[in-house]
Amino acid sequence: MSSSSSNSVPPLLITEALGFSPQLLLDDIINIANAAVTDGVNGLEGFLENWAEQRPDKQDNNRHQEIESGLVAFQTLLEHHTDLAFDFFEAWCLRNIFAIPPDLPIVLPHQENLDLTAKPEKEEELIEEVARLRAEIDSQRRLHLLLTRALRTAKRKRLESERRLERISSLDPHRLDILAKLPAQLLTMHDAVSNLPPMDAATIAAMTQITLSEPGKRQWETSKTGYLNWAVSMLLERARADENARGSATIDGITRNVEEIGKADQLRQAFEITESIAAGLRDVDRGLDSSQMEE
């Protein structure tokens, strides 16, 4: 035998090197031996009972009692010798097989190049650094989880917006383009008409009695066609008066002005609104004059 266990390497180092505890291995071996002893006794008991049944003097009850007492004594003797033998076996294994002399240097593979001369202060700093890194990793994981949730929410909102866009995509965008191209003069006229005060019942009744075409109106006040004829005649007269190059420039300028005022449909709507407003204002003036004369 070698030196005692007090002079050997601590059992924790042996367990770390082997990957298991030697005491657990020895316990398993002893349990297997005890199970073998129990199986042997049970087999012998079955054999003796069969032997007793085959004897000619079966009426002897003392024979069964002798068999039971003999089996108990036999099992006790076997267990005693087994425990004694395996106690020596366990002690011998722990002192010889699972023991390393203290003067033998042992370096495990995962302990190579370790600096065991570090001071406690340095070790505390390393532990704090490890704790800080763990907290940072945990924060990054939480941030990743939040970003994943936000990405899912953004995708869901984008799908909802696309569905809404599909529902309103059937609208005709050309009408909006036409409204956006309305000249500023027409918009100003519309604002002025919208700000006019409402007409009373007498004014409305007087307006219903007025004919649409009154004699004595000037050409540009009758209708859209009259306005266009008047504008063309004026342009021709100016073109004849001025035969040099400035005449064409003037015509081009007037043409651009006419185009800025609006298209034919827009001009027709504007003239109709203007004529109705002018007729209403004239009726209001006439009603005021007649009321003053009666007074």
Protein backbone atom coordinates (compact mmCIF):
# COMPACT_ATOMS: atom_id res chain seq x y z
CA MET A 1 0.00 0.00 0.00
CA SER A 2 0.99 3.62 -0.42
CA SER A 3 0.70 6.48 2.04
CA SER A 4 -2.56 7.24 3.85
CA SER A 5 -5.36 9.26 2.36
CA SER A 6 -4.39 12.28 4.45
CA ASN A 7 -1.14 12.55 2.50
CA SER A 8 -2.72 11.98 -0.92
CA VAL A 9 -4.27 14.38 -3.38
CA PRO A 10 -7.71 15.76 -2.35
CA PRO A 11 -10.57 13.63 -3.75
CA LEU A 12 -12.08 16.66 -5.54
CA LEU A 13 -9.13 16.75 -7.93
CA ILE A 14 -9.52 13.02 -8.65
CA THR A 15 -13.24 13.46 -9.27
CA GLU A 16 -12.53 16.39 -11.61
CA ALA A 17 -9.94 14.34 -13.51
CA LEU A 18 -12.07 11.19 -13.83
CA GLY A 19 -15.40 12.89 -14.39
CA PHE A 20 -17.12 10.83 -11.67
CA SER A 21 -16.75 10.12 -7.96
CA PRO A 22 -14.74 6.98 -7.09
CA GLN A 23 -16.97 6.35 -4.08
CA LEU A 24 -20.02 6.05 -6.34
CA LEU A 25 -18.22 3.45 -8.48
CA LEU A 26 -17.29 1.38 -5.42
CA ASP A 27 -20.86 1.59 -4.10
CA ASP A 28 -22.19 0.27 -7.40
CA ILE A 29 -19.74 -2.69 -7.26
CA ILE A 30 -20.77 -3.53 -3.68
CA ASN A 31 -24.47 -3.32 -4.59
CA ILE A 32 -23.90 -5.73 -7.49
CA ALA A 33 -22.17 -8.20 -5.15
CA ASN A 34 -25.00 -8.01 -2.61
CA ALA A 35 -27.56 -8.54 -5.40
CA ALA A 36 -25.61 -11.64 -6.51
CA VAL A 37 -25.68 -13.00 -2.93
CA THR A 38 -29.45 -12.43 -2.72
CA ASP A 39 -30.03 -14.15 -6.07
CA GLY A 40 -27.93 -17.12 -4.94
CA VAL A 41 -29.87 -17.50 -1.71
CA ASN A 42 -33.20 -17.28 -3.56
CA GLY A 43 -32.05 -19.94 -6.04
CA LEU A 44 -30.88 -22.24 -3.27
CA GLU A 45 -34.23 -21.78 -1.49
CA GLY A 46 -36.12 -22.90 -4.59
CA PHE A 47 -33.85 -25.89 -5.03
CA LEU A 48 -34.27 -27.03 -1.41
CA GLU A 49 -38.06 -26.66 -1.57
CA ASN A 50 -38.19 -28.83 -4.68
CA TRP A 51 -35.91 -31.36 -2.99
CA ALA A 52 -38.16 -31.44 0.06
CA GLU A 53 -41.24 -32.02 -2.10
CA GLN A 54 -39.58 -34.98 -3.81
CA ARG A 55 -38.62 -36.73 -0.55
CA PRO A 56 -40.76 -39.80 0.38
CA ASP A 57 -41.43 -38.53 3.92
CA LYS A 58 -43.41 -35.41 2.90
CA GLN A 59 -45.34 -35.28 6.17
CA ASP A 60 -42.30 -34.09 8.10
CA ASN A 61 -43.03 -30.39 8.89
CA ASN A 62 -39.78 -29.89 10.73
CA ARG A 63 -37.91 -30.23 7.44
CA HIS A 64 -39.38 -26.95 6.06
CA GLN A 65 -38.48 -25.14 9.26
CA GLU A 66 -34.93 -26.50 9.05
CA ILE A 67 -34.68 -25.31 5.46
CA GLU A 68 -35.81 -21.78 6.37
CA SER A 69 -33.51 -21.51 9.37
CA GLY A 70 -30.62 -22.90 7.34
CA LEU A 71 -31.22 -20.39 4.53
CA VAL A 72 -31.32 -17.49 7.00
CA ALA A 73 -28.06 -18.62 8.57
CA PHE A 74 -26.49 -19.14 5.16
CA GLN A 75 -27.58 -15.67 3.94
CA THR A 76 -26.29 -14.01 7.11
CA LEU A 77 -22.94 -15.77 6.75
CA LEU A 78 -22.61 -14.76 3.11
CA GLU A 79 -23.55 -11.13 3.78
CA HIS A 80 -21.08 -10.95 6.66
CA HIS A 81 -18.19 -12.25 4.58
CA THR A 82 -19.25 -10.10 1.65
CA ASP A 83 -19.34 -6.91 3.73
CA LEU A 84 -16.01 -7.73 5.33
CA ALA A 85 -14.36 -8.45 2.00
CA PHE A 86 -15.72 -5.39 0.26
CA ASP A 87 -14.79 -3.12 3.16
CA PHE A 88 -11.18 -4.14 2.64
CA PHE A 89 -11.67 -3.80 -1.13
CA GLU A 90 -13.05 -0.26 -0.78
CA ALA A 91 -10.26 0.85 1.52
CA TRP A 92 -7.61 -0.65 -0.73
CA CYS A 93 -9.05 1.05 -3.84
CA LEU A 94 -9.25 4.46 -2.19
CA ARG A 95 -5.66 4.19 -0.98
CA ASN A 96 -4.08 2.69 -4.08
CA ILE A 97 -6.19 2.90 -7.25
CA PHE A 98 -7.93 6.23 -6.65
CA ALA A 99 -5.03 7.93 -4.89
CA ILE A 100 -2.32 10.21 -6.27
CA PRO A 101 0.85 10.99 -4.31
CA PRO A 102 1.08 14.63 -3.24
CA ASP A 103 4.60 14.98 -4.69
CA LEU A 104 3.33 14.10 -8.18
CA PRO A 105 2.48 17.27 -10.17
CA ILE A 106 -0.88 16.99 -11.94
CA VAL A 107 -2.16 19.48 -14.50
CA LEU A 108 -5.55 18.79 -16.04
CA PRO A 109 -6.11 19.72 -19.71
CA HIS A 110 -8.48 22.55 -18.88
CA GLN A 111 -6.05 23.93 -16.29
CA GLU A 112 -3.11 24.44 -18.63
CA ASN A 113 -1.60 27.94 -18.88
CA LEU A 114 -3.62 29.14 -15.89
CA ASP A 115 -2.11 31.90 -13.78
CA LEU A 116 -2.76 30.86 -10.19
CA THR A 117 -0.58 33.64 -8.78
CA ALA A 118 -3.20 36.36 -9.38
CA LYS A 119 -4.07 38.54 -6.43
CA PRO A 120 -7.57 38.56 -4.91
CA GLU A 121 -8.08 42.15 -6.07
CA LYS A 122 -7.44 41.14 -9.67
CA GLU A 123 -9.82 38.22 -9.34
CA GLU A 124 -12.53 40.51 -7.98
CA GLU A 125 -12.04 42.87 -10.93
CA LEU A 126 -12.40 39.96 -13.34
CA ILE A 127 -15.57 38.80 -11.57
CA GLU A 128 -17.03 42.31 -11.80
CA GLU A 129 -16.10 42.46 -15.49
CA VAL A 130 -17.84 39.14 -16.10
CA ALA A 131 -20.96 40.39 -14.27
CA ARG A 132 -20.95 43.59 -16.35
CA LEU A 133 -20.65 41.63 -19.59
CA ARG A 134 -23.49 39.34 -18.54
CA ALA A 135 -25.70 42.37 -17.80
CA GLU A 136 -24.79 43.86 -21.19
CA ILE A 137 -25.65 40.61 -22.96
CA ASP A 138 -28.98 40.52 -21.14
CA SER A 139 -29.70 44.10 -22.20
CA GLN A 140 -28.85 43.28 -25.81
CA ARG A 141 -31.20 40.31 -25.72
CA ARG A 142 -34.02 42.47 -24.39
CA LEU A 143 -33.31 45.12 -27.02
CA HIS A 144 -33.36 42.48 -29.73
CA LEU A 145 -36.72 41.26 -28.43
CA LEU A 146 -38.15 44.80 -28.46
CA LEU A 147 -36.84 45.44 -31.97
CA THR A 148 -38.37 42.18 -33.17
CA ARG A 149 -41.75 43.19 -31.73
CA ALA A 150 -41.47 46.67 -33.27
CA LEU A 151 -40.63 45.14 -36.66
CA ARG A 152 -43.69 42.90 -36.47
CA THR A 153 -45.88 45.90 -35.56
CA ALA A 154 -44.44 47.95 -38.45
CA LYS A 155 -45.09 45.13 -40.91
CA ARG A 156 -48.68 44.80 -39.69
CA LYS A 157 -49.28 48.54 -40.05
CA ARG A 158 -47.72 48.53 -43.52
CA LEU A 159 -50.09 45.77 -44.61
CA GLU A 160 -53.05 47.70 -43.24
CA SER A 161 -51.93 50.84 -45.10
CA GLU A 162 -51.56 48.87 -48.32
CA ARG A 163 -55.08 47.48 -47.95
CA ARG A 164 -56.45 50.99 -47.37
CA LEU A 165 -54.56 52.24 -50.43
CA GLU A 166 -56.10 49.48 -52.53
CA ARG A 167 -59.59 50.50 -51.38
CA ILE A 168 -59.11 54.16 -52.41
CA SER A 169 -57.03 53.48 -55.52
CA SER A 170 -60.23 53.18 -57.57
CA LEU A 171 -60.74 56.95 -57.32
CA ASP A 172 -59.91 58.90 -60.50
CA PRO A 173 -56.82 61.08 -59.86
CA HIS A 174 -57.34 63.11 -63.05
CA ARG A 175 -60.11 65.13 -61.43
CA LEU A 176 -57.76 66.16 -58.70
CA ASP A 177 -55.23 67.26 -61.33
CA ILE A 178 -57.88 69.41 -63.04
CA LEU A 179 -58.79 71.06 -59.76
CA ALA A 180 -55.13 71.72 -59.04
CA LYS A 181 -54.75 73.50 -62.41
CA LEU A 182 -57.57 76.01 -61.81
CA PRO A 183 -56.30 79.58 -62.23
CA ALA A 184 -55.88 81.79 -59.24
CA GLN A 185 -58.41 84.32 -60.59
CA LEU A 186 -61.20 81.71 -60.64
CA LEU A 187 -60.36 80.59 -57.11
CA THR A 188 -60.45 84.21 -55.96
CA MET A 189 -63.83 84.67 -57.66
CA HIS A 190 -65.13 81.54 -55.96
CA ASP A 191 -64.01 82.84 -52.58
CA ALA A 192 -65.72 86.18 -53.22
CA VAL A 193 -68.98 84.50 -54.24
CA SER A 194 -68.84 82.27 -51.17
CA ASN A 195 -68.47 85.30 -48.90
CA LEU A 196 -71.55 87.09 -50.32
CA PRO A 197 -74.44 87.52 -47.85
CA PRO A 198 -77.52 85.33 -48.40
CA MET A 199 -80.41 86.82 -50.45
CA ASP A 200 -83.81 87.43 -48.90
CA ALA A 201 -87.11 86.06 -50.16
CA ALA A 202 -88.03 89.24 -52.09
CA THR A 203 -84.77 89.19 -54.04
CA ILE A 204 -85.18 85.55 -54.93
CA ALA A 205 -88.76 86.18 -56.13
CA ALA A 206 -87.59 89.11 -58.28
CA MET A 207 -84.79 87.03 -59.82
CA THR A 208 -87.25 84.34 -60.94
CA GLN A 209 -89.14 86.92 -63.04
CA ILE A 210 -86.08 88.06 -65.01
CA THR A 211 -85.51 86.59 -68.45
CA LEU A 212 -82.15 85.06 -69.21
CA SER A 213 -81.45 87.21 -72.26
CA GLU A 214 -82.27 90.92 -71.93
CA PRO A 215 -82.07 93.37 -74.85
CA GLY A 216 -79.44 96.08 -74.65
CA LYS A 217 -76.67 93.87 -73.23
CA ARG A 218 -73.22 94.10 -74.70
CA GLN A 219 -71.85 91.25 -76.71
CA TRP A 220 -69.46 89.84 -74.09
CA GLU A 221 -72.27 89.91 -71.47
CA THR A 222 -74.71 87.67 -73.33
CA SER A 223 -73.01 84.25 -73.34
CA LYS A 224 -69.77 82.38 -73.76
CA THR A 225 -70.04 82.49 -77.55
CA GLY A 226 -70.57 86.24 -77.51
CA TYR A 227 -67.51 86.66 -75.29
CA LEU A 228 -65.37 84.54 -77.61
CA ASN A 229 -66.58 86.42 -80.71
CA TRP A 230 -65.86 89.74 -79.03
CA ALA A 231 -62.39 88.60 -77.97
CA VAL A 232 -61.55 87.34 -81.48
CA SER A 233 -62.77 90.56 -83.12
CA MET A 234 -60.71 92.63 -80.74
CA LEU A 235 -57.64 90.59 -81.49
CA LEU A 236 -58.17 90.94 -85.25
CA GLU A 237 -58.59 94.72 -84.98
CA ARG A 238 -55.40 95.05 -82.98
CA ALA A 239 -53.57 92.78 -85.43
CA ARG A 240 -54.64 94.93 -88.36
CA ALA A 241 -53.68 98.15 -86.55
CA ASP A 242 -50.25 96.91 -85.74
CA GLU A 243 -48.69 95.05 -88.70
CA ASN A 244 -45.16 94.84 -87.36
CA ALA A 245 -43.66 92.12 -85.23
CA ARG A 246 -45.07 93.55 -82.03
CA GLY A 247 -48.58 92.56 -83.20
CA SER A 248 -47.79 88.86 -83.15
CA ALA A 249 -46.16 89.21 -79.74
CA THR A 250 -49.31 90.93 -78.44
CA ILE A 251 -51.53 88.17 -79.84
CA ASP A 252 -49.30 85.55 -78.23
CA GLY A 253 -49.50 87.37 -74.91
CA ILE A 254 -53.29 87.63 -75.09
CA THR A 255 -53.53 83.97 -76.03
CA ARG A 256 -51.44 83.04 -73.00
CA ASN A 257 -53.64 85.22 -70.81
CA VAL A 258 -56.76 83.52 -72.13
CA GLU A 259 -55.20 80.12 -71.44
CA GLU A 260 -54.30 81.22 -67.91
CA ILE A 261 -57.90 82.27 -67.25
CA GLY A 262 -59.12 78.73 -67.85
CA LYS A 263 -60.53 76.21 -70.28
CA ALA A 264 -63.90 76.44 -72.00
CA ASP A 265 -65.77 74.37 -69.40
CA GLN A 266 -64.29 76.32 -66.54
CA LEU A 267 -65.05 79.67 -68.24
CA ARG A 268 -68.64 78.61 -68.91
CA GLN A 269 -69.21 77.74 -65.25
CA ALA A 270 -67.55 80.95 -64.09
CA PHE A 271 -69.63 83.12 -66.47
CA GLU A 272 -72.89 81.45 -65.44
CA ILE A 273 -72.13 82.11 -61.77
CA THR A 274 -71.07 85.69 -62.52
CA GLU A 275 -74.19 86.42 -64.59
CA SER A 276 -76.53 85.07 -61.91
CA ILE A 277 -74.77 87.14 -59.24
CA ALA A 278 -74.82 90.31 -61.38
CA ALA A 279 -78.53 89.87 -62.12
CA GLY A 280 -79.27 89.37 -58.44
CA LEU A 281 -77.33 92.49 -57.50
CA ARG A 282 -79.15 94.58 -60.14
CA ASP A 283 -82.54 93.36 -58.87
CA VAL A 284 -81.51 94.27 -55.35
CA ASP A 285 -80.57 97.79 -56.51
CA ARG A 286 -83.88 98.17 -58.34
CA GLY A 287 -85.82 97.02 -55.31
CA LEU A 288 -84.01 99.54 -53.13
CA ASP A 289 -84.66 102.38 -55.61
CA SER A 290 -88.38 101.54 -55.85
CA SER A 291 -88.73 101.42 -52.09
CA GLN A 292 -87.07 104.83 -51.74
CA MET A 293 -89.38 106.33 -54.37
CA GLU A 294 -92.48 104.99 -52.62
CA GLU A 295 -91.34 106.57 -49.37
